[in-house]
Protein backbone atom coordinates (compact mmCIF):
# COMPACT_ATOMS: atom_id res chain seq x y z
CA MET A 1 0.00 0.00 0.00
CA SER A 2 1.80 3.09 -1.25
CA GLN A 3 0.83 6.57 -0.11
CA SER A 4 1.61 9.82 -1.85
CA PRO A 5 4.50 11.80 -0.31
CA GLY A 6 2.41 14.93 0.14
CA ARG A 7 -0.03 13.41 2.62
CA SER A 8 0.02 14.66 6.18
CA ASP A 9 -1.72 11.69 7.80
CA GLY A 10 1.56 10.15 8.97
CA ALA A 11 1.81 7.70 6.08
CA VAL A 12 5.34 7.22 4.85
CA PRO A 13 6.06 6.77 1.15
CA GLU A 14 8.10 3.87 -0.15
CA ARG A 15 11.90 4.10 -0.12
CA ASN A 16 12.37 4.91 -3.82
CA SER A 17 9.20 6.89 -4.46
CA ASP A 18 10.24 10.54 -4.85
CA PRO A 19 13.80 11.74 -5.55
CA GLN A 20 13.19 15.09 -3.85
CA PHE A 21 11.83 13.34 -0.76
CA GLN A 22 14.86 11.04 -0.76
CA ALA A 23 17.17 14.06 -0.93
CA GLU A 24 15.35 15.65 2.01
CA ILE A 25 15.69 12.45 4.04
CA GLN A 26 19.41 12.36 3.21
CA ARG A 27 19.81 16.00 4.30
CA LEU A 28 18.04 15.27 7.59
CA PHE A 29 20.20 12.19 8.08
CA ASN A 30 23.35 14.27 7.49
CA LEU A 31 22.12 16.83 10.04
CA THR A 32 21.62 13.99 12.52
CA LEU A 33 25.12 12.72 11.81
CA TYR A 34 26.68 16.17 12.24
CA GLY A 35 24.68 16.67 15.42
CA ARG A 36 25.97 13.45 16.92
CA TRP A 37 29.57 14.39 16.14
CA LEU A 38 29.01 17.88 17.58
CA VAL A 39 27.81 16.29 20.83
CA VAL A 40 30.90 14.04 20.90
CA GLY A 41 33.18 17.00 20.20
CA GLY A 42 31.46 19.08 22.87
CA LEU A 43 31.85 16.27 25.40
CA TRP A 44 35.56 15.97 24.66
CA LEU A 45 36.05 19.75 24.88
CA THR A 46 34.27 20.01 28.23
CA VAL A 47 34.10 16.76 30.19
CA GLY A 48 37.11 15.15 28.52
CA SER A 49 39.42 18.10 28.99
CA LEU A 50 38.37 18.54 32.63
CA SER A 51 38.91 14.83 33.26
CA LEU A 52 42.35 14.88 31.66
CA TRP A 53 43.24 18.02 33.60
CA SER A 54 42.38 16.34 36.89
CA LEU A 55 44.57 13.37 35.87
CA ARG A 56 47.54 15.57 34.84
CA GLU A 57 49.77 14.43 37.73
CA SER A 58 49.05 10.78 37.07
CA ILE A 59 49.65 11.24 33.36
CA GLN A 60 53.01 12.85 34.13
CA LEU A 61 53.86 9.78 36.23
CA TRP A 62 52.80 7.50 33.34
CA PHE A 63 55.24 9.28 31.02
CA GLU A 64 58.08 8.72 33.46
CA TYR A 65 57.32 5.09 34.30
CA PHE A 66 54.31 3.44 32.74
CA THR A 67 52.62 0.47 34.39
CA TRP A 68 49.05 -0.75 34.18
CA ALA A 69 48.93 -0.65 37.96
CA ALA A 70 49.59 3.11 37.83
CA VAL A 71 46.71 3.52 35.38
CA ARG A 72 44.43 1.43 37.60
CA TYR A 73 45.26 3.40 40.73
CA ALA A 74 44.92 6.72 38.93
CA PHE A 75 41.38 5.82 37.89
CA ALA A 76 40.58 4.27 41.28
CA PHE A 77 41.54 7.43 43.16
CA ASN A 78 40.09 9.84 40.57
CA ARG A 79 36.68 8.29 39.98
CA LEU A 80 35.05 11.43 38.64
CA ALA A 81 37.76 11.75 35.99
CA ALA A 82 37.40 8.05 35.16
CA VAL A 83 33.63 8.43 34.73
CA GLY A 84 34.14 11.53 32.57
CA LEU A 85 36.61 9.78 30.28
CA GLY A 86 34.34 6.74 30.17
CA ILE A 87 31.42 8.88 29.01
CA CYS A 88 33.57 10.54 26.34
CA LEU A 89 35.00 7.24 25.09
CA GLY A 90 31.61 5.51 25.23
CA THR A 91 29.81 8.15 23.18
CA THR A 92 32.68 8.31 20.69
CA PHE A 93 32.64 4.55 20.13
CA ALA A 94 28.84 4.49 19.98
CA VAL A 95 28.76 7.10 17.22
CA LEU A 96 31.60 5.35 15.38
CA LEU A 97 29.76 2.02 15.48
CA TRP A 98 26.47 3.63 14.45
CA GLN A 99 28.09 5.41 11.50
CA SER A 100 29.99 2.25 10.48
CA ARG A 101 26.75 0.26 10.49
CA VAL A 102 25.10 2.85 8.26
CA ILE A 103 28.08 2.91 5.88
CA LEU A 104 28.19 -0.90 5.60
CA TRP A 105 24.48 -1.79 5.52
CA GLY A 106 22.67 1.49 4.87
CA ILE A 107 20.09 3.25 6.99
CA PRO A 108 18.04 0.70 8.97
CA THR A 109 14.33 0.50 8.20
CA HIS A 110 13.18 1.88 11.56
CA ASP A 111 15.60 4.82 11.28
CA TYR A 112 14.49 5.47 7.70
CA HIS A 113 10.85 5.40 8.82
CA ARG A 114 11.60 7.84 11.65
CA LEU A 115 13.51 10.18 9.30
CA SER A 116 10.74 10.12 6.70
CA GLN A 117 8.12 10.92 9.35
CA GLN A 118 10.25 13.80 10.58
CA VAL A 119 10.61 15.13 7.00
CA MET A 120 6.83 14.93 6.62
CA ARG A 121 6.36 16.90 9.86
CA ILE A 122 8.86 19.51 8.62
CA ARG A 123 6.99 19.76 5.30
CA VAL A 124 3.63 20.14 7.06
CA GLN A 125 4.88 22.87 9.41
CA GLY A 126 6.57 24.68 6.56
CA SER A 127 9.00 27.55 6.85
CA THR A 128 8.27 28.06 10.57
CA HIS A 129 10.12 24.82 11.39
CA PRO A 130 13.74 25.44 12.48
CA LEU A 131 15.08 22.81 10.07
CA TRP A 132 13.01 23.91 7.06
CA ASN A 133 15.84 25.81 5.33
CA ARG A 134 18.33 22.99 5.81
CA VAL A 135 16.04 20.09 4.87
CA CYS A 136 13.25 21.26 2.56
CA GLY A 137 14.25 24.80 1.61
CA LYS A 138 16.93 23.73 -0.85
CA LYS A 139 15.87 22.96 -4.38
CA ASP A 140 17.59 20.65 -6.83
CA MET A 141 19.86 22.27 -9.40
CA SER A 142 17.73 20.81 -12.20
CA GLN A 143 14.68 22.65 -10.87
CA THR A 144 16.43 25.99 -10.37
CA MET A 145 18.18 26.03 -13.75
CA GLY A 146 14.99 26.80 -15.67
CA GLN A 147 13.49 29.23 -13.18
CA GLY A 148 13.87 32.94 -13.66
CA GLN A 149 14.50 32.61 -17.37
CA ASN A 150 11.99 33.88 -19.83
CA ASN A 151 12.44 31.90 -23.04
CA GLN A 152 10.15 34.02 -25.17
CA HIS A 153 11.84 35.32 -28.34
């Protein structure tokens, strides 16, 4: 059962139905990807740098004489720094695995469905939606090439 892409009843069109709709889904997916990496970068700039700063004496000791016991004790006695680095490393690896899965096998069906519903909500709300200009406001080059030209001779 295929629905038209312009419907606002929550129905999602098939994967290969409308090239413009596919481009909008891809733009929204790219925004999601950039957003995830911005969160990871922000975590490393804030939580990660504070955690590394609190471990600066231990890190200096590691450079002089590295042992795994020194690493273990540094994290045992600086638990807040260990938790902070764990959060930074965990989110980094989670985003890396998520992006690798998408590169290898494509966007999963449930993610594609969620993205297409979000694009439909952006289309319905129109230019008042904060993501309208980034997702739906851009037109294809093939559509804009013929606009603005009067071909009457």
